[in-house]
Amino acid sequence: MREPKTLAEQISVLAQLTGAPQTFVLQVKELFSRKGIPLDSDAGPYLKALEEAFKREESIRCTTERARDNIKRLQNNFNRIGEAYVKQLAELNKLRGGAQKKKGAAGSSEVQIPGGNHRSFVTPAQSDKFPMVPGPKEEQ
């Protein structure tokens, strides 16, 4: 079998090898036609450029497909996170509802926090005031 010699033949071979879409093949052919280069002319002088163009198109197409797959996976993950958040929020609301019922039944003004109230270790209570520390008297 002879090697393709014309531009049209070489473009067809490269399209088959890379799986290039027909729209890209038509664009390449139109490029040569617009430049006044007949498609039945020798492909030799344009071979490297054609190979590079088809390889780049294939690379871009593969990268785009991977990006689409990653976006779909991210969307699915966000949906699962959202569902888990809604589920946890519903559970929290149930716990809060139960704590408020206990508060009403016991007559206590404090809501019991599971595990104890350790708020004072994290942040000062709102009634606490920080002492004022005087600054230097001279201007700095």
Foldseek 3Di string as FASTA:
>chain_A
DDDDFFQLRLLVVLCVVLVPDPVVSVVVCVVCVVVVHDRRHGCVVVNVVSNVVSVVRSVVVVVVVVVVVVVVVVVVVVVVVVVVVVVVVVVVVVVVVVQVVVCVVVVPPDGADPPGDPVCVPPNDPVDDDDDDDDDPDDD
